[in-house]
Amino acid sequence: MQSNFETMTVTELKSYALSHRHEVEPLRELYRRRTPDAEAVWFQAPQTPEEEEQQIKVIQQVIMNKGITKNF
């Protein structure tokens, strides 16, 4: 019996994929749901300690705005 992967939450789908490692379809569904690179935030490597400090502040703000963590 095949599960309906489209109706599963991401958490349910990850759990299913981990417990059924031989199946490819749950992995395809997880991949389909990923965040596109167009929504990603890209940063260049800092060249100086000052740039690094500024970039850390910007990255922290981006993380807070995306709601990734509340206690950053």
PDB file of N, CA and C in Angstrom:
ATOM      1  N   MET A   1       0.836  -1.186   0.000  1.00  0.00           N
ATOM      2  CA  MET A   1       0.000   0.000   0.000  1.00  0.00           C
ATOM      3  C   MET A   1       0.878   1.246   0.000  1.00  0.00           C
ATOM      4  N   GLN A   2       0.591   2.154  -0.885  1.00  0.00           N
ATOM      5  CA  GLN A   2       1.370   3.392  -0.998  1.00  0.00           C
ATOM      6  C   GLN A   2       0.663   4.508  -0.250  1.00  0.00           C
ATOM      7  N   SER A   3       1.421   5.254   0.533  1.00  0.00           N
ATOM      8  CA  SER A   3       0.855   6.378   1.269  1.00  0.00           C
ATOM      9  C   SER A   3       0.654   7.564   0.338  1.00  0.00           C
ATOM     10  N   ASN A   4      -0.246   8.470   0.722  1.00  0.00           N
ATOM     11  CA  ASN A   4      -0.470   9.682  -0.045  1.00  0.00           C
ATOM     12  C   ASN A   4       0.472  10.749   0.501  1.00  0.00           C
ATOM     13  N   PHE A   5       1.640  10.870  -0.095  1.00  0.00           N
ATOM     14  CA  PHE A   5       2.688  11.750   0.403  1.00  0.00           C
ATOM     15  C   PHE A   5       2.294  13.221   0.316  1.00  0.00           C
ATOM     16  N   GLU A   6       1.459  13.568  -0.635  1.00  0.00           N
ATOM     17  CA  GLU A   6       1.064  14.965  -0.812  1.00  0.00           C
ATOM     18  C   GLU A   6       0.232  15.487   0.355  1.00  0.00           C
ATOM     19  N   THR A   7      -0.448  14.605   1.080  1.00  0.00           N
ATOM     20  CA  THR A   7      -1.278  15.043   2.193  1.00  0.00           C
ATOM     21  C   THR A   7      -0.518  15.049   3.517  1.00  0.00           C
ATOM     22  N   MET A   8       0.673  14.480   3.542  1.00  0.00           N
ATOM     23  CA  MET A   8       1.461  14.435   4.779  1.00  0.00           C
ATOM     24  C   MET A   8       2.110  15.780   5.061  1.00  0.00           C
ATOM     25  N   THR A   9       2.270  16.079   6.342  1.00  0.00           N
ATOM     26  CA  THR A   9       3.044  17.260   6.718  1.00  0.00           C
ATOM     27  C   THR A   9       4.515  16.953   6.456  1.00  0.00           C
ATOM     28  N   VAL A  10       5.341  17.980   6.462  1.00  0.00           N
ATOM     29  CA  VAL A  10       6.777  17.776   6.248  1.00  0.00           C
ATOM     30  C   VAL A  10       7.340  16.866   7.336  1.00  0.00           C
ATOM     31  N   THR A  11       6.918  17.070   8.577  1.00  0.00           N
ATOM     32  CA  THR A  11       7.401  16.237   9.685  1.00  0.00           C
ATOM     33  C   THR A  11       7.006  14.784   9.481  1.00  0.00           C
ATOM     34  N   GLU A  12       5.761  14.547   9.104  1.00  0.00           N
ATOM     35  CA  GLU A  12       5.298  13.177   8.850  1.00  0.00           C
ATOM     36  C   GLU A  12       6.069  12.559   7.686  1.00  0.00           C
ATOM     37  N   LEU A  13       6.281  13.356   6.660  1.00  0.00           N
ATOM     38  CA  LEU A  13       6.980  12.865   5.474  1.00  0.00           C
ATOM     39  C   LEU A  13       8.425  12.512   5.788  1.00  0.00           C
ATOM     40  N   LYS A  14       9.106  13.348   6.575  1.00  0.00           N
ATOM     41  CA  LYS A  14      10.485  13.042   6.969  1.00  0.00           C
ATOM     42  C   LYS A  14      10.540  11.757   7.780  1.00  0.00           C
ATOM     43  N   SER A  15       9.615  11.616   8.707  1.00  0.00           N
ATOM     44  CA  SER A  15       9.567  10.412   9.536  1.00  0.00           C
ATOM     45  C   SER A  15       9.339   9.173   8.669  1.00  0.00           C
ATOM     46  N   TYR A  16       8.403   9.280   7.730  1.00  0.00           N
ATOM     47  CA  TYR A  16       8.123   8.166   6.832  1.00  0.00           C
ATOM     48  C   TYR A  16       9.349   7.828   5.991  1.00  0.00           C
ATOM     49  N   ALA A  17       9.994   8.844   5.443  1.00  0.00           N
ATOM     50  CA  ALA A  17      11.169   8.617   4.592  1.00  0.00           C
ATOM     51  C   ALA A  17      12.290   7.944   5.381  1.00  0.00           C
ATOM     52  N   LEU A  18      12.470   8.339   6.631  1.00  0.00           N
ATOM     53  CA  LEU A  18      13.521   7.732   7.452  1.00  0.00           C
ATOM     54  C   LEU A  18      13.208   6.282   7.802  1.00  0.00           C
ATOM     55  N   SER A  19      11.943   5.971   7.973  1.00  0.00           N
ATOM     56  CA  SER A  19      11.588   4.597   8.327  1.00  0.00           C
ATOM     57  C   SER A  19      11.383   3.694   7.105  1.00  0.00           C
ATOM     58  N   HIS A  20      11.356   4.273   5.911  1.00  0.00           N
ATOM     59  CA  HIS A  20      11.214   3.518   4.652  1.00  0.00           C
ATOM     60  C   HIS A  20      12.299   3.975   3.675  1.00  0.00           C
ATOM     61  N   ARG A  21      13.533   3.794   4.072  1.00  0.00           N
ATOM     62  CA  ARG A  21      14.670   4.313   3.314  1.00  0.00           C
ATOM     63  C   ARG A  21      14.796   3.745   1.900  1.00  0.00           C
ATOM     64  N   HIS A  22      14.185   2.622   1.642  1.00  0.00           N
ATOM     65  CA  HIS A  22      14.264   2.010   0.317  1.00  0.00           C
ATOM     66  C   HIS A  22      13.310   2.657  -0.690  1.00  0.00           C
ATOM     67  N   GLU A  23      12.369   3.485  -0.217  1.00  0.00           N
ATOM     68  CA  GLU A  23      11.395   4.122  -1.104  1.00  0.00           C
ATOM     69  C   GLU A  23      11.896   5.485  -1.583  1.00  0.00           C
ATOM     70  N   VAL A  24      11.697   5.745  -2.858  1.00  0.00           N
ATOM     71  CA  VAL A  24      12.165   6.987  -3.461  1.00  0.00           C
ATOM     72  C   VAL A  24      11.085   8.065  -3.462  1.00  0.00           C
ATOM     73  N   GLU A  25       9.845   7.682  -3.562  1.00  0.00           N
ATOM     74  CA  GLU A  25       8.754   8.662  -3.696  1.00  0.00           C
ATOM     75  C   GLU A  25       8.668   9.665  -2.541  1.00  0.00           C
ATOM     76  N   PRO A  26       8.832   9.246  -1.283  1.00  0.00           N
ATOM     77  CA  PRO A  26       8.773  10.273  -0.223  1.00  0.00           C
ATOM     78  C   PRO A  26       9.911  11.288  -0.339  1.00  0.00           C
ATOM     79  N   LEU A  27      11.054  10.842  -0.814  1.00  0.00           N
ATOM     80  CA  LEU A  27      12.177  11.760  -1.019  1.00  0.00           C
ATOM     81  C   LEU A  27      11.881  12.738  -2.149  1.00  0.00           C
ATOM     82  N   ARG A  28      11.242  12.253  -3.188  1.00  0.00           N
ATOM     83  CA  ARG A  28      10.856  13.141  -4.291  1.00  0.00           C
ATOM     84  C   ARG A  28       9.887  14.210  -3.810  1.00  0.00           C
ATOM     85  N   GLU A  29       8.938  13.832  -2.958  1.00  0.00           N
ATOM     86  CA  GLU A  29       7.979  14.800  -2.436  1.00  0.00           C
ATOM     87  C   GLU A  29       8.675  15.821  -1.527  1.00  0.00           C
ATOM     88  N   LEU A  30       9.602  15.370  -0.691  1.00  0.00           N
ATOM     89  CA  LEU A  30      10.365  16.301   0.150  1.00  0.00           C
ATOM     90  C   LEU A  30      11.166  17.272  -0.715  1.00  0.00           C
ATOM     91  N   TYR A  31      11.785  16.762  -1.755  1.00  0.00           N
ATOM     92  CA  TYR A  31      12.561  17.610  -2.657  1.00  0.00           C
ATOM     93  C   TYR A  31      11.659  18.631  -3.352  1.00  0.00           C
ATOM     94  N   ARG A  32      10.469  18.209  -3.736  1.00  0.00           N
ATOM     95  CA  ARG A  32       9.533  19.096  -4.410  1.00  0.00           C
ATOM     96  C   ARG A  32       9.126  20.256  -3.503  1.00  0.00           C
ATOM     97  N   ARG A  33       9.089  20.011  -2.209  1.00  0.00           N
ATOM     98  CA  ARG A  33       8.660  21.035  -1.245  1.00  0.00           C
ATOM     99  C   ARG A  33       9.780  21.948  -0.764  1.00  0.00           C
ATOM    100  N   ARG A  34      10.986  21.721  -1.188  1.00  0.00           N
ATOM    101  CA  ARG A  34      12.110  22.510  -0.692  1.00  0.00           C
ATOM    102  C   ARG A  34      11.952  23.990  -1.052  1.00  0.00           C
ATOM    103  N   THR A  35      12.694  24.828  -0.354  1.00  0.00           N
ATOM    104  CA  THR A  35      12.686  26.255  -0.638  1.00  0.00           C
ATOM    105  C   THR A  35      13.531  26.512  -1.883  1.00  0.00           C
ATOM    106  N   PRO A  36      12.960  27.142  -2.881  1.00  0.00           N
ATOM    107  CA  PRO A  36      13.732  27.427  -4.101  1.00  0.00           C
ATOM    108  C   PRO A  36      14.890  28.377  -3.821  1.00  0.00           C
ATOM    109  N   ASP A  37      15.937  28.248  -4.591  1.00  0.00           N
ATOM    110  CA  ASP A  37      17.097  29.116  -4.434  1.00  0.00           C
ATOM    111  C   ASP A  37      16.735  30.585  -4.613  1.00  0.00           C
ATOM    112  N   ALA A  38      15.675  30.867  -5.350  1.00  0.00           N
ATOM    113  CA  ALA A  38      15.268  32.252  -5.553  1.00  0.00           C
ATOM    114  C   ALA A  38      14.873  32.906  -4.232  1.00  0.00           C
ATOM    115  N   GLU A  39      14.456  32.115  -3.254  1.00  0.00           N
ATOM    116  CA  GLU A  39      14.075  32.639  -1.947  1.00  0.00           C
ATOM    117  C   GLU A  39      15.240  32.627  -0.961  1.00  0.00           C
ATOM    118  N   ALA A  40      16.345  32.035  -1.351  1.00  0.00           N
ATOM    119  CA  ALA A  40      17.504  31.934  -0.458  1.00  0.00           C
ATOM    120  C   ALA A  40      18.213  33.282  -0.363  1.00  0.00           C
ATOM    121  N   VAL A  41      18.887  33.494   0.748  1.00  0.00           N
ATOM    122  CA  VAL A  41      19.685  34.696   0.941  1.00  0.00           C
ATOM    123  C   VAL A  41      21.149  34.285   0.812  1.00  0.00           C
ATOM    124  N   TRP A  42      21.849  34.900  -0.130  1.00  0.00           N
ATOM    125  CA  TRP A  42      23.246  34.547  -0.398  1.00  0.00           C
ATOM    126  C   TRP A  42      24.167  35.628   0.147  1.00  0.00           C
ATOM    127  N   PHE A  43      25.263  35.223   0.751  1.00  0.00           N
ATOM    128  CA  PHE A  43      26.236  36.147   1.306  1.00  0.00           C
ATOM    129  C   PHE A  43      27.617  35.850   0.733  1.00  0.00           C
ATOM    130  N   GLN A  44      28.383  36.890   0.501  1.00  0.00           N
ATOM    131  CA  GLN A  44      29.775  36.732   0.057  1.00  0.00           C
ATOM    132  C   GLN A  44      30.646  36.555   1.298  1.00  0.00           C
ATOM    133  N   ALA A  45      31.766  35.888   1.143  1.00  0.00           N
ATOM    134  CA  ALA A  45      32.690  35.712   2.258  1.00  0.00           C
ATOM    135  C   ALA A  45      33.275  37.068   2.653  1.00  0.00           C
ATOM    136  N   PRO A  46      33.279  37.373   3.953  1.00  0.00           N
ATOM    137  CA  PRO A  46      33.844  38.657   4.393  1.00  0.00           C
ATOM    138  C   PRO A  46      35.352  38.681   4.183  1.00  0.00           C
ATOM    139  N   GLN A  47      35.870  39.861   3.853  1.00  0.00           N
ATOM    140  CA  GLN A  47      37.293  40.011   3.584  1.00  0.00           C
ATOM    141  C   GLN A  47      38.063  40.586   4.772  1.00  0.00           C
ATOM    142  N   THR A  48      37.351  41.242   5.675  1.00  0.00           N
ATOM    143  CA  THR A  48      38.001  41.852   6.830  1.00  0.00           C
ATOM    144  C   THR A  48      37.203  41.500   8.086  1.00  0.00           C
ATOM    145  N   PRO A  49      37.812  41.649   9.267  1.00  0.00           N
ATOM    146  CA  PRO A  49      37.065  41.398  10.504  1.00  0.00           C
ATOM    147  C   PRO A  49      35.839  42.318  10.645  1.00  0.00           C
ATOM    148  N   GLU A  50      35.959  43.553  10.146  1.00  0.00           N
ATOM    149  CA  GLU A  50      34.836  44.481  10.205  1.00  0.00           C
ATOM    150  C   GLU A  50      33.679  44.000   9.330  1.00  0.00           C
ATOM    151  N   GLU A  51      34.003  43.521   8.129  1.00  0.00           N
ATOM    152  CA  GLU A  51      32.973  42.975   7.236  1.00  0.00           C
ATOM    153  C   GLU A  51      32.315  41.751   7.875  1.00  0.00           C
ATOM    154  N   GLU A  52      33.130  40.930   8.514  1.00  0.00           N
ATOM    155  CA  GLU A  52      32.602  39.731   9.155  1.00  0.00           C
ATOM    156  C   GLU A  52      31.618  40.104  10.272  1.00  0.00           C
ATOM    157  N   GLU A  53      31.981  41.068  11.085  1.00  0.00           N
ATOM    158  CA  GLU A  53      31.113  41.509  12.171  1.00  0.00           C
ATOM    159  C   GLU A  53      29.794  42.067  11.634  1.00  0.00           C
ATOM    160  N   GLN A  54      29.877  42.872  10.585  1.00  0.00           N
ATOM    161  CA  GLN A  54      28.674  43.442   9.976  1.00  0.00           C
ATOM    162  C   GLN A  54      27.810  42.346   9.366  1.00  0.00           C
ATOM    163  N   GLN A  55      28.448  41.392   8.720  1.00  0.00           N
ATOM    164  CA  GLN A  55      27.701  40.315   8.078  1.00  0.00           C
ATOM    165  C   GLN A  55      26.996  39.439   9.114  1.00  0.00           C
ATOM    166  N   ILE A  56      27.626  39.200  10.242  1.00  0.00           N
ATOM    167  CA  ILE A  56      26.995  38.426  11.306  1.00  0.00           C
ATOM    168  C   ILE A  56      25.720  39.117  11.769  1.00  0.00           C
ATOM    169  N   LYS A  57      25.766  40.425  11.918  1.00  0.00           N
ATOM    170  CA  LYS A  57      24.583  41.179  12.324  1.00  0.00           C
ATOM    171  C   LYS A  57      23.463  41.050  11.285  1.00  0.00           C
ATOM    172  N   VAL A  58      23.822  41.149  10.027  1.00  0.00           N
ATOM    173  CA  VAL A  58      22.828  41.032   8.949  1.00  0.00           C
ATOM    174  C   VAL A  58      22.231  39.628   8.931  1.00  0.00           C
ATOM    175  N   ILE A  59      23.066  38.612   9.061  1.00  0.00           N
ATOM    176  CA  ILE A  59      22.593  37.229   9.052  1.00  0.00           C
ATOM    177  C   ILE A  59      21.660  36.981  10.238  1.00  0.00           C
ATOM    178  N   GLN A  60      22.020  37.487  11.411  1.00  0.00           N
ATOM    179  CA  GLN A  60      21.153  37.337  12.578  1.00  0.00           C
ATOM    180  C   GLN A  60      19.791  37.964  12.320  1.00  0.00           C
ATOM    181  N   GLN A  61      19.771  39.122  11.693  1.00  0.00           N
ATOM    182  CA  GLN A  61      18.505  39.797  11.403  1.00  0.00           C
ATOM    183  C   GLN A  61      17.686  38.992  10.400  1.00  0.00           C
ATOM    184  N   VAL A  62      18.326  38.453   9.380  1.00  0.00           N
ATOM    185  CA  VAL A  62      17.621  37.645   8.384  1.00  0.00           C
ATOM    186  C   VAL A  62      17.009  36.418   9.062  1.00  0.00           C
ATOM    187  N   ILE A  63      17.764  35.770   9.929  1.00  0.00           N
ATOM    188  CA  ILE A  63      17.262  34.587  10.630  1.00  0.00           C
ATOM    189  C   ILE A  63      16.065  34.954  11.499  1.00  0.00           C
ATOM    190  N   MET A  64      16.157  36.053  12.213  1.00  0.00           N
ATOM    191  CA  MET A  64      15.049  36.484  13.071  1.00  0.00           C
ATOM    192  C   MET A  64      13.806  36.797  12.222  1.00  0.00           C
ATOM    193  N   ASN A  65      13.994  37.440  11.072  1.00  0.00           N
ATOM    194  CA  ASN A  65      12.869  37.800  10.209  1.00  0.00           C
ATOM    195  C   ASN A  65      12.193  36.579   9.599  1.00  0.00           C
ATOM    196  N   LYS A  66      12.951  35.528   9.350  1.00  0.00           N
ATOM    197  CA  LYS A  66      12.397  34.317   8.759  1.00  0.00           C
ATOM    198  C   LYS A  66      11.761  33.424   9.813  1.00  0.00           C
ATOM    199  N   GLY A  67      11.941  33.764  11.092  1.00  0.00           N
ATOM    200  CA  GLY A  67      11.340  32.980  12.165  1.00  0.00           C
ATOM    201  C   GLY A  67      12.013  31.649  12.380  1.00  0.00           C
ATOM    202  N   ILE A  68      13.274  31.516  11.959  1.00  0.00           N
ATOM    203  CA  ILE A  68      13.985  30.252  12.104  1.00  0.00           C
ATOM    204  C   ILE A  68      14.242  29.954  13.573  1.00  0.00           C
ATOM    205  N   THR A  69      14.567  30.957  14.335  1.00  0.00           N
ATOM    206  CA  THR A  69      14.802  30.765  15.760  1.00  0.00           C
ATOM    207  C   THR A  69      14.368  32.016  16.506  1.00  0.00           C
ATOM    208  N   LYS A  70      13.918  31.839  17.703  1.00  0.00           N
ATOM    209  CA  LYS A  70      13.485  32.990  18.498  1.00  0.00           C
ATOM    210  C   LYS A  70      14.555  33.426  19.478  1.00  0.00           C
ATOM    211  N   ASN A  71      15.464  32.542  19.817  1.00  0.00           N
ATOM    212  CA  ASN A  71      16.500  32.845  20.806  1.00  0.00           C
ATOM    213  C   ASN A  71      17.869  32.808  20.149  1.00  0.00           C
ATOM    214  N   PHE A  72      18.066  33.650  19.171  1.00  0.00           N
ATOM    215  CA  PHE A  72      19.334  33.642  18.456  1.00  0.00           C
ATOM    216  C   PHE A  72      20.339  34.527  19.140  1.00  0.00           C
TER     217      PHE A  72
END
